[in-house]
PDB file of N, CA and C in Angstrom:
ATOM      1  N   MET A   1     -13.745   0.778   9.505  1.00  0.00           N
ATOM      2  CA  MET A   1     -12.300   0.696   9.190  1.00  0.00           C
ATOM      3  C   MET A   1     -11.813   2.062   8.757  1.00  0.00           C
ATOM      4  N   ALA A   2     -12.486   2.825   7.957  1.00  0.00           N
ATOM      5  CA  ALA A   2     -12.103   4.093   7.437  1.00  0.00           C
ATOM      6  C   ALA A   2     -11.580   5.001   8.552  1.00  0.00           C
ATOM      7  N   ALA A   3     -12.370   5.096   9.734  1.00  0.00           N
ATOM      8  CA  ALA A   3     -12.097   5.914  10.742  1.00  0.00           C
ATOM      9  C   ALA A   3     -10.665   5.438  11.546  1.00  0.00           C
ATOM     10  N   LEU A   4     -10.452   4.189  11.589  1.00  0.00           N
ATOM     11  CA  LEU A   4      -9.177   3.665  12.140  1.00  0.00           C
ATOM     12  C   LEU A   4      -7.976   4.089  11.244  1.00  0.00           C
ATOM     13  N   TYR A   5      -8.201   3.754   9.809  1.00  0.00           N
ATOM     14  CA  TYR A   5      -7.138   4.151   8.923  1.00  0.00           C
ATOM     15  C   TYR A   5      -6.794   5.698   9.014  1.00  0.00           C
ATOM     16  N   SER A   6      -7.927   6.450   9.090  1.00  0.00           N
ATOM     17  CA  SER A   6      -7.745   7.927   9.035  1.00  0.00           C
ATOM     18  C   SER A   6      -7.010   8.390  10.297  1.00  0.00           C
ATOM     19  N   ALA A   7      -7.229   7.711  11.436  1.00  0.00           N
ATOM     20  CA  ALA A   7      -6.718   8.143  12.682  1.00  0.00           C
ATOM     21  C   ALA A   7      -5.310   7.798  12.732  1.00  0.00           C
ATOM     22  N   ALA A   8      -4.765   6.747  12.014  1.00  0.00           N
ATOM     23  CA  ALA A   8      -3.472   6.385  12.092  1.00  0.00           C
ATOM     24  C   ALA A   8      -2.488   7.231  11.388  1.00  0.00           C
ATOM     25  N   ASP A   9      -1.229   7.343  11.896  1.00  0.00           N
ATOM     26  CA  ASP A   9      -0.068   8.062  11.325  1.00  0.00           C
ATOM     27  C   ASP A   9       0.422   7.244  10.208  1.00  0.00           C
ATOM     28  N   ILE A  10       0.399   5.970  10.373  1.00  0.00           N
ATOM     29  CA  ILE A  10       1.065   5.140   9.383  1.00  0.00           C
ATOM     30  C   ILE A  10       0.523   3.621   9.551  1.00  0.00           C
ATOM     31  N   LEU A  11       0.425   2.860   8.478  1.00  0.00           N
ATOM     32  CA  LEU A  11       0.114   1.437   8.489  1.00  0.00           C
ATOM     33  C   LEU A  11       1.407   0.581   8.226  1.00  0.00           C
ATOM     34  N   LEU A  12       1.687  -0.103   9.218  1.00  0.00           N
ATOM     35  CA  LEU A  12       2.698  -1.143   9.122  1.00  0.00           C
ATOM     36  C   LEU A  12       2.119  -2.468   8.705  1.00  0.00           C
ATOM     37  N   PHE A  13       2.495  -2.928   7.576  1.00  0.00           N
ATOM     38  CA  PHE A  13       1.744  -4.155   7.031  1.00  0.00           C
ATOM     39  C   PHE A  13       2.849  -5.146   6.598  1.00  0.00           C
ATOM     40  N   PRO A  14       3.313  -6.102   7.608  1.00  0.00           N
ATOM     41  CA  PRO A  14       4.486  -6.869   7.321  1.00  0.00           C
ATOM     42  C   PRO A  14       4.015  -8.199   6.760  1.00  0.00           C
ATOM     43  N   SER A  15       3.438  -8.175   5.674  1.00  0.00           N
ATOM     44  CA  SER A  15       2.828  -9.399   5.095  1.00  0.00           C
ATOM     45  C   SER A  15       3.960 -10.092   4.242  1.00  0.00           C
ATOM     46  N   ARG A  16       4.010 -11.360   4.404  1.00  0.00           N
ATOM     47  CA  ARG A  16       5.067 -12.095   3.560  1.00  0.00           C
ATOM     48  C   ARG A  16       4.449 -12.490   2.106  1.00  0.00           C
ATOM     49  N   TYR A  17       3.089 -12.538   2.065  1.00  0.00           N
ATOM     50  CA  TYR A  17       2.528 -12.810   0.815  1.00  0.00           C
ATOM     51  C   TYR A  17       1.244 -11.980   0.746  1.00  0.00           C
ATOM     52  N   GLU A  18       0.919 -11.281  -0.320  1.00  0.00           N
ATOM     53  CA  GLU A  18      -0.360 -10.439  -0.476  1.00  0.00           C
ATOM     54  C   GLU A  18      -0.583 -10.599  -2.025  1.00  0.00           C
ATOM     55  N   GLY A  19      -1.785 -11.215  -2.323  1.00  0.00           N
ATOM     56  CA  GLY A  19      -2.107 -11.207  -3.719  1.00  0.00           C
ATOM     57  C   GLY A  19      -2.446  -9.845  -4.450  1.00  0.00           C
ATOM     58  N   PHE A  20      -3.031  -8.932  -3.777  1.00  0.00           N
ATOM     59  CA  PHE A  20      -3.441  -7.753  -4.317  1.00  0.00           C
ATOM     60  C   PHE A  20      -3.155  -6.454  -3.439  1.00  0.00           C
ATOM     61  N   GLY A  21      -3.352  -6.566  -2.163  1.00  0.00           N
ATOM     62  CA  GLY A  21      -2.965  -5.484  -1.269  1.00  0.00           C
ATOM     63  C   GLY A  21      -4.164  -4.395  -0.999  1.00  0.00           C
ATOM     64  N   LEU A  22      -5.317  -5.102  -0.852  1.00  0.00           N
ATOM     65  CA  LEU A  22      -6.642  -4.303  -0.592  1.00  0.00           C
ATOM     66  C   LEU A  22      -6.420  -3.495   0.703  1.00  0.00           C
ATOM     67  N   VAL A  23      -5.777  -4.044   1.651  1.00  0.00           N
ATOM     68  CA  VAL A  23      -5.532  -3.239   2.904  1.00  0.00           C
ATOM     69  C   VAL A  23      -4.714  -2.002   2.647  1.00  0.00           C
ATOM     70  N   ILE A  24      -3.760  -2.100   1.785  1.00  0.00           N
ATOM     71  CA  ILE A  24      -2.842  -1.034   1.454  1.00  0.00           C
ATOM     72  C   ILE A  24      -3.688   0.030   0.731  1.00  0.00           C
ATOM     73  N   LEU A  25      -4.529  -0.336  -0.307  1.00  0.00           N
ATOM     74  CA  LEU A  25      -5.378   0.609  -0.895  1.00  0.00           C
ATOM     75  C   LEU A  25      -6.306   1.336   0.050  1.00  0.00           C
ATOM     76  N   GLU A  26      -6.846   0.613   0.951  1.00  0.00           N
ATOM     77  CA  GLU A  26      -7.763   1.199   1.948  1.00  0.00           C
ATOM     78  C   GLU A  26      -7.174   2.215   2.782  1.00  0.00           C
ATOM     79  N   ALA A  27      -5.862   1.926   3.276  1.00  0.00           N
ATOM     80  CA  ALA A  27      -5.159   2.949   3.987  1.00  0.00           C
ATOM     81  C   ALA A  27      -4.908   4.165   3.128  1.00  0.00           C
ATOM     82  N   LEU A  28      -4.364   3.887   1.920  1.00  0.00           N
ATOM     83  CA  LEU A  28      -4.037   5.034   1.046  1.00  0.00           C
ATOM     84  C   LEU A  28      -5.286   5.918   0.880  1.00  0.00           C
ATOM     85  N   ALA A  29      -6.357   5.297   0.570  1.00  0.00           N
ATOM     86  CA  ALA A  29      -7.668   6.052   0.407  1.00  0.00           C
ATOM     87  C   ALA A  29      -8.020   6.817   1.435  1.00  0.00           C
ATOM     88  N   CYS A  30      -7.499   6.563   2.636  1.00  0.00           N
ATOM     89  CA  CYS A  30      -7.762   7.328   3.909  1.00  0.00           C
ATOM     90  C   CYS A  30      -6.658   8.324   4.190  1.00  0.00           C
ATOM     91  N   GLY A  31      -5.643   8.361   3.294  1.00  0.00           N
ATOM     92  CA  GLY A  31      -4.542   9.259   3.348  1.00  0.00           C
ATOM     93  C   GLY A  31      -3.479   8.809   4.393  1.00  0.00           C
ATOM     94  N   THR A  32      -3.462   7.468   4.637  1.00  0.00           N
ATOM     95  CA  THR A  32      -2.470   6.946   5.565  1.00  0.00           C
ATOM     96  C   THR A  32      -1.333   6.251   4.797  1.00  0.00           C
ATOM     97  N   PRO A  33      -0.151   6.728   5.020  1.00  0.00           N
ATOM     98  CA  PRO A  33       1.064   6.041   4.351  1.00  0.00           C
ATOM     99  C   PRO A  33       1.284   4.665   4.839  1.00  0.00           C
ATOM    100  N   VAL A  34       1.958   3.883   4.104  1.00  0.00           N
ATOM    101  CA  VAL A  34       2.107   2.493   4.373  1.00  0.00           C
ATOM    102  C   VAL A  34       3.677   1.996   4.302  1.00  0.00           C
ATOM    103  N   VAL A  35       4.085   1.213   5.247  1.00  0.00           N
ATOM    104  CA  VAL A  35       5.350   0.535   5.136  1.00  0.00           C
ATOM    105  C   VAL A  35       4.978  -1.014   5.188  1.00  0.00           C
ATOM    106  N   THR A  36       5.518  -1.622   4.087  1.00  0.00           N
ATOM    107  CA  THR A  36       5.170  -3.041   3.935  1.00  0.00           C
ATOM    108  C   THR A  36       6.267  -3.817   3.323  1.00  0.00           C
ATOM    109  N   SER A  37       6.179  -5.124   3.105  1.00  0.00           N
ATOM    110  CA  SER A  37       7.284  -5.866   2.624  1.00  0.00           C
ATOM    111  C   SER A  37       7.337  -5.874   1.130  1.00  0.00           C
ATOM    112  N   THR A  38       8.478  -6.416   0.672  1.00  0.00           N
ATOM    113  CA  THR A  38       8.678  -6.344  -0.797  1.00  0.00           C
ATOM    114  C   THR A  38       7.820  -7.454  -1.466  1.00  0.00           C
ATOM    115  N   ALA A  39       7.079  -8.314  -0.633  1.00  0.00           N
ATOM    116  CA  ALA A  39       6.192  -9.323  -1.235  1.00  0.00           C
ATOM    117  C   ALA A  39       4.852  -8.632  -1.735  1.00  0.00           C
ATOM    118  N   VAL A  40       4.567  -7.453  -1.321  1.00  0.00           N
ATOM    119  CA  VAL A  40       3.376  -6.707  -1.784  1.00  0.00           C
ATOM    120  C   VAL A  40       3.549  -6.007  -3.019  1.00  0.00           C
ATOM    121  N   ALA A  41       2.365  -5.818  -3.768  1.00  0.00           N
ATOM    122  CA  ALA A  41       2.506  -5.142  -5.005  1.00  0.00           C
ATOM    123  C   ALA A  41       3.016  -3.858  -4.890  1.00  0.00           C
ATOM    124  N   GLN A  42       3.848  -3.301  -5.895  1.00  0.00           N
ATOM    125  CA  GLN A  42       4.341  -1.998  -5.873  1.00  0.00           C
ATOM    126  C   GLN A  42       3.331  -1.056  -6.226  1.00  0.00           C
ATOM    127  N   PHE A  43       3.355   0.159  -5.532  1.00  0.00           N
ATOM    128  CA  PHE A  43       2.480   1.246  -5.754  1.00  0.00           C
ATOM    129  C   PHE A  43       3.353   2.477  -5.965  1.00  0.00           C
ATOM    130  N   ASP A  44       2.726   3.486  -6.675  1.00  0.00           N
ATOM    131  CA  ASP A  44       3.516   4.696  -7.158  1.00  0.00           C
ATOM    132  C   ASP A  44       4.010   5.541  -5.985  1.00  0.00           C
ATOM    133  N   VAL A  45       3.103   5.741  -5.037  1.00  0.00           N
ATOM    134  CA  VAL A  45       3.556   6.761  -3.935  1.00  0.00           C
ATOM    135  C   VAL A  45       2.921   6.320  -2.719  1.00  0.00           C
ATOM    136  N   GLY A  46       3.626   6.738  -1.539  1.00  0.00           N
ATOM    137  CA  GLY A  46       2.909   6.415  -0.205  1.00  0.00           C
ATOM    138  C   GLY A  46       3.172   5.171   0.380  1.00  0.00           C
ATOM    139  N   VAL A  47       3.911   4.245  -0.338  1.00  0.00           N
ATOM    140  CA  VAL A  47       4.208   2.920   0.195  1.00  0.00           C
ATOM    141  C   VAL A  47       5.754   2.579   0.119  1.00  0.00           C
ATOM    142  N   GLN A  48       6.281   2.409   1.229  1.00  0.00           N
ATOM    143  CA  GLN A  48       7.570   1.954   1.422  1.00  0.00           C
ATOM    144  C   GLN A  48       7.790   0.546   1.527  1.00  0.00           C
ATOM    145  N   HIS A  49       8.570  -0.041   0.662  1.00  0.00           N
ATOM    146  CA  HIS A  49       8.684  -1.596   0.737  1.00  0.00           C
ATOM    147  C   HIS A  49      10.097  -1.967   1.363  1.00  0.00           C
ATOM    148  N   VAL A  50      10.089  -2.822   2.320  1.00  0.00           N
ATOM    149  CA  VAL A  50      11.194  -3.380   2.971  1.00  0.00           C
ATOM    150  C   VAL A  50      11.329  -4.925   2.947  1.00  0.00           C
ATOM    151  N   ASP A  51      12.359  -5.431   3.311  1.00  0.00           N
ATOM    152  CA  ASP A  51      12.645  -6.898   3.411  1.00  0.00           C
ATOM    153  C   ASP A  51      11.733  -7.381   4.474  1.00  0.00           C
ATOM    154  N   GLU A  52      10.904  -8.358   4.148  1.00  0.00           N
ATOM    155  CA  GLU A  52       9.891  -8.773   5.208  1.00  0.00           C
ATOM    156  C   GLU A  52      10.426  -9.459   6.369  1.00  0.00           C
ATOM    157  N   TYR A  53      11.764  -9.796   6.325  1.00  0.00           N
ATOM    158  CA  TYR A  53      12.404 -10.397   7.403  1.00  0.00           C
ATOM    159  C   TYR A  53      13.289  -9.493   8.298  1.00  0.00           C
ATOM    160  N   ASP A  54      13.301  -8.167   7.989  1.00  0.00           N
ATOM    161  CA  ASP A  54      14.206  -7.164   8.639  1.00  0.00           C
ATOM    162  C   ASP A  54      13.411  -6.207   9.366  1.00  0.00           C
ATOM    163  N   ALA A  55      13.323  -6.496  10.695  1.00  0.00           N
ATOM    164  CA  ALA A  55      12.564  -5.593  11.597  1.00  0.00           C
ATOM    165  C   ALA A  55      13.146  -4.173  11.729  1.00  0.00           C
ATOM    166  N   THR A  56      14.420  -4.096  11.702  1.00  0.00           N
ATOM    167  CA  THR A  56      15.111  -2.787  11.763  1.00  0.00           C
ATOM    168  C   THR A  56      14.755  -2.048  10.513  1.00  0.00           C
ATOM    169  N   ALA A  57      14.614  -2.484   9.373  1.00  0.00           N
ATOM    170  CA  ALA A  57      14.224  -1.890   8.079  1.00  0.00           C
ATOM    171  C   ALA A  57      12.807  -1.349   8.354  1.00  0.00           C
ATOM    172  N   TYR A  58      11.864  -2.121   8.947  1.00  0.00           N
ATOM    173  CA  TYR A  58      10.601  -1.622   9.200  1.00  0.00           C
ATOM    174  C   TYR A  58      10.634  -0.317  10.087  1.00  0.00           C
ATOM    175  N   ALA A  59      11.381  -0.360  11.121  1.00  0.00           N
ATOM    176  CA  ALA A  59      11.517   0.740  12.071  1.00  0.00           C
ATOM    177  C   ALA A  59      12.052   1.942  11.281  1.00  0.00           C
ATOM    178  N   GLN A  60      13.165   1.798  10.600  1.00  0.00           N
ATOM    179  CA  GLN A  60      13.788   2.819   9.956  1.00  0.00           C
ATOM    180  C   GLN A  60      12.843   3.497   8.929  1.00  0.00           C
ATOM    181  N   SER A  61      12.100   2.696   8.187  1.00  0.00           N
ATOM    182  CA  SER A  61      11.168   3.148   7.135  1.00  0.00           C
ATOM    183  C   SER A  61       9.969   3.932   7.823  1.00  0.00           C
ATOM    184  N   ALA A  62       9.512   3.352   8.807  1.00  0.00           N
ATOM    185  CA  ALA A  62       8.370   4.056   9.637  1.00  0.00           C
ATOM    186  C   ALA A  62       8.912   5.411  10.077  1.00  0.00           C
ATOM    187  N   GLU A  63      10.052   5.504  10.600  1.00  0.00           N
ATOM    188  CA  GLU A  63      10.575   6.662  11.152  1.00  0.00           C
ATOM    189  C   GLU A  63      10.736   7.707   9.971  1.00  0.00           C
ATOM    190  N   ASN A  64      11.246   7.322   8.701  1.00  0.00           N
ATOM    191  CA  ASN A  64      11.380   8.116   7.601  1.00  0.00           C
ATOM    192  C   ASN A  64      10.066   8.603   7.136  1.00  0.00           C
ATOM    193  N   VAL A  65       9.083   7.793   7.039  1.00  0.00           N
ATOM    194  CA  VAL A  65       7.683   8.259   6.676  1.00  0.00           C
ATOM    195  C   VAL A  65       7.144   9.243   7.600  1.00  0.00           C
ATOM    196  N   LEU A  66       7.289   9.057   8.885  1.00  0.00           N
ATOM    197  CA  LEU A  66       6.606   9.879   9.835  1.00  0.00           C
ATOM    198  C   LEU A  66       7.430  11.291   9.932  1.00  0.00           C
ATOM    199  N   ASN A  67       8.756  11.273   9.504  1.00  0.00           N
ATOM    200  CA  ASN A  67       9.439  12.594   9.526  1.00  0.00           C
ATOM    201  C   ASN A  67       9.330  13.255   8.240  1.00  0.00           C
ATOM    202  N   GLU A  68       8.909  12.563   7.154  1.00  0.00           N
ATOM    203  CA  GLU A  68       8.624  13.176   5.857  1.00  0.00           C
ATOM    204  C   GLU A  68       7.253  12.857   5.353  1.00  0.00           C
ATOM    205  N   PRO A  69       6.271  13.352   5.901  1.00  0.00           N
ATOM    206  CA  PRO A  69       4.950  13.024   5.532  1.00  0.00           C
ATOM    207  C   PRO A  69       4.652  13.308   4.079  1.00  0.00           C
ATOM    208  N   ILE A  70       3.807  12.443   3.392  1.00  0.00           N
ATOM    209  CA  ILE A  70       3.370  12.716   1.998  1.00  0.00           C
ATOM    210  C   ILE A  70       1.917  13.385   2.080  1.00  0.00           C
ATOM    211  N   VAL A  71       1.746  14.191   1.150  1.00  0.00           N
ATOM    212  CA  VAL A  71       0.457  14.982   1.098  1.00  0.00           C
ATOM    213  C   VAL A  71      -0.664  13.880   0.913  1.00  0.00           C
ATOM    214  N   MET A  72      -1.733  14.011   1.785  1.00  0.00           N
ATOM    215  CA  MET A  72      -2.796  13.023   1.788  1.00  0.00           C
ATOM    216  C   MET A  72      -3.424  12.906   0.397  1.00  0.00           C
ATOM    217  N   GLU A  73      -3.572  13.905  -0.313  1.00  0.00           N
ATOM    218  CA  GLU A  73      -4.314  13.951  -1.644  1.00  0.00           C
ATOM    219  C   GLU A  73      -3.518  12.970  -2.515  1.00  0.00           C
ATOM    220  N   GLU A  74      -2.146  12.940  -2.471  1.00  0.00           N
ATOM    221  CA  GLU A  74      -1.316  12.121  -3.284  1.00  0.00           C
ATOM    222  C   GLU A  74      -1.633  10.604  -3.003  1.00  0.00           C
ATOM    223  N   LEU A  75      -1.831  10.371  -1.760  1.00  0.00           N
ATOM    224  CA  LEU A  75      -2.174   8.938  -1.344  1.00  0.00           C
ATOM    225  C   LEU A  75      -3.492   8.625  -1.918  1.00  0.00           C
ATOM    226  N   ARG A  76      -4.415   9.450  -1.761  1.00  0.00           N
ATOM    227  CA  ARG A  76      -5.811   9.142  -2.188  1.00  0.00           C
ATOM    228  C   ARG A  76      -5.789   8.930  -3.778  1.00  0.00           C
ATOM    229  N   THR A  77      -5.093   9.710  -4.447  1.00  0.00           N
ATOM    230  CA  THR A  77      -4.876   9.594  -5.817  1.00  0.00           C
ATOM    231  C   THR A  77      -4.453   8.167  -6.297  1.00  0.00           C
ATOM    232  N   VAL A  78      -3.528   7.681  -5.644  1.00  0.00           N
ATOM    233  CA  VAL A  78      -2.947   6.255  -5.961  1.00  0.00           C
ATOM    234  C   VAL A  78      -4.102   5.338  -5.794  1.00  0.00           C
ATOM    235  N   ALA A  79      -4.816   5.458  -4.619  1.00  0.00           N
ATOM    236  CA  ALA A  79      -5.910   4.508  -4.332  1.00  0.00           C
ATOM    237  C   ALA A  79      -7.034   4.567  -5.357  1.00  0.00           C
ATOM    238  N   ILE A  80      -7.318   5.765  -5.820  1.00  0.00           N
ATOM    239  CA  ILE A  80      -8.234   5.958  -6.875  1.00  0.00           C
ATOM    240  C   ILE A  80      -7.887   5.357  -8.158  1.00  0.00           C
ATOM    241  N   LYS A  81      -6.486   5.435  -8.499  1.00  0.00           N
ATOM    242  CA  LYS A  81      -6.123   4.805  -9.832  1.00  0.00           C
ATOM    243  C   LYS A  81      -6.282   3.270  -9.806  1.00  0.00           C
ATOM    244  N   HIS A  82      -6.441   2.632  -8.617  1.00  0.00           N
ATOM    245  CA  HIS A  82      -6.589   1.214  -8.569  1.00  0.00           C
ATOM    246  C   HIS A  82      -7.966   0.831  -8.144  1.00  0.00           C
ATOM    247  N   ASP A  83      -8.921   1.421  -8.769  1.00  0.00           N
ATOM    248  CA  ASP A  83     -10.315   1.035  -8.446  1.00  0.00           C
ATOM    249  C   ASP A  83     -10.539  -0.359  -8.924  1.00  0.00           C
ATOM    250  N   TRP A  84     -11.765  -0.851  -8.459  1.00  0.00           N
ATOM    251  CA  TRP A  84     -12.114  -2.260  -8.967  1.00  0.00           C
ATOM    252  C   TRP A  84     -12.239  -2.382 -10.394  1.00  0.00           C
ATOM    253  N   LYS A  85     -12.696  -1.502 -11.156  1.00  0.00           N
ATOM    254  CA  LYS A  85     -12.767  -1.576 -12.634  1.00  0.00           C
ATOM    255  C   LYS A  85     -11.441  -1.804 -13.298  1.00  0.00           C
ATOM    256  N   ASP A  86     -10.452  -1.128 -12.800  1.00  0.00           N
ATOM    257  CA  ASP A  86      -9.145  -1.188 -13.259  1.00  0.00           C
ATOM    258  C   ASP A  86      -8.526  -2.562 -12.944  1.00  0.00           C
ATOM    259  N   VAL A  87      -8.725  -2.946 -11.609  1.00  0.00           N
ATOM    260  CA  VAL A  87      -8.138  -4.164 -11.144  1.00  0.00           C
ATOM    261  C   VAL A  87      -8.700  -5.327 -11.863  1.00  0.00           C
ATOM    262  N   THR A  88     -10.051  -5.352 -12.033  1.00  0.00           N
ATOM    263  CA  THR A  88     -10.768  -6.332 -12.699  1.00  0.00           C
ATOM    264  C   THR A  88     -10.243  -6.528 -14.209  1.00  0.00           C
ATOM    265  N   SER A  89     -10.022  -5.456 -14.813  1.00  0.00           N
ATOM    266  CA  SER A  89      -9.545  -5.609 -16.256  1.00  0.00           C
ATOM    267  C   SER A  89      -8.153  -6.141 -16.386  1.00  0.00           C
ATOM    268  N   LYS A  90      -7.329  -5.750 -15.345  1.00  0.00           N
ATOM    269  CA  LYS A  90      -5.928  -6.325 -15.286  1.00  0.00           C
ATOM    270  C   LYS A  90      -6.085  -7.836 -15.058  1.00  0.00           C
ATOM    271  N   TYR A  91      -6.943  -8.318 -14.079  1.00  0.00           N
ATOM    272  CA  TYR A  91      -7.001  -9.687 -13.951  1.00  0.00           C
ATOM    273  C   TYR A  91      -7.573 -10.539 -15.074  1.00  0.00           C
ATOM    274  N   LEU A  92      -8.485  -9.858 -15.824  1.00  0.00           N
ATOM    275  CA  LEU A  92      -9.102 -10.436 -17.098  1.00  0.00           C
ATOM    276  C   LEU A  92      -7.989 -10.643 -18.132  1.00  0.00           C
ATOM    277  N   ARG A  93      -7.199  -9.531 -18.262  1.00  0.00           N
ATOM    278  CA  ARG A  93      -6.142  -9.730 -19.287  1.00  0.00           C
ATOM    279  C   ARG A  93      -5.140 -10.747 -18.861  1.00  0.00           C
ATOM    280  N   LEU A  94      -4.868 -10.824 -17.674  1.00  0.00           N
ATOM    281  CA  LEU A  94      -3.841 -11.916 -17.208  1.00  0.00           C
ATOM    282  C   LEU A  94      -4.463 -13.325 -17.503  1.00  0.00           C
ATOM    283  N   TYR A  95      -5.824 -13.432 -17.046  1.00  0.00           N
ATOM    284  CA  TYR A  95      -6.517 -14.690 -17.322  1.00  0.00           C
ATOM    285  C   TYR A  95      -6.508 -15.068 -18.733  1.00  0.00           C
ATOM    286  N   HIS A  96      -6.822 -14.139 -19.724  1.00  0.00           N
ATOM    287  CA  HIS A  96      -6.830 -14.463 -21.107  1.00  0.00           C
ATOM    288  C   HIS A  96      -5.426 -14.803 -21.751  1.00  0.00           C
ATOM    289  N   ARG A  97      -4.396 -14.203 -21.116  1.00  0.00           N
ATOM    290  CA  ARG A  97      -3.060 -14.553 -21.581  1.00  0.00           C
ATOM    291  C   ARG A  97      -2.733 -15.987 -21.167  1.00  0.00           C
ATOM    292  N   MET A  98      -3.227 -16.447 -20.120  1.00  0.00           N
ATOM    293  CA  MET A  98      -2.875 -17.827 -19.453  1.00  0.00           C
ATOM    294  C   MET A  98      -3.647 -18.829 -20.034  1.00  0.00           C
ATOM    295  N   THR A  99      -4.914 -18.560 -20.730  1.00  0.00           N
ATOM    296  CA  THR A  99      -5.624 -19.561 -21.297  1.00  0.00           C
ATOM    297  C   THR A  99      -5.499 -19.628 -22.828  1.00  0.00           C
TER     298      THR A  99
END
């Protein structure tokens, strides 16, 4: 998968629901920017969020990302900040607040 993400100019991810967004982190880790729906978790950089029902917004955002590329290292930094240890601790805190 890393070779495919790395070869792509952009990842269009029109998910209507995504619990965590692992696909997005995988793309970012490979230096590939993402256009996805507002239903997906918010990330610091490299991810444009659009209304999941608006195909025109996806096209416009994709064009914007392709015309103003983000430095690949910035994208990788975002992915590294969301490693499994960090994600696990966030889920544990949420679980403890709910119990």
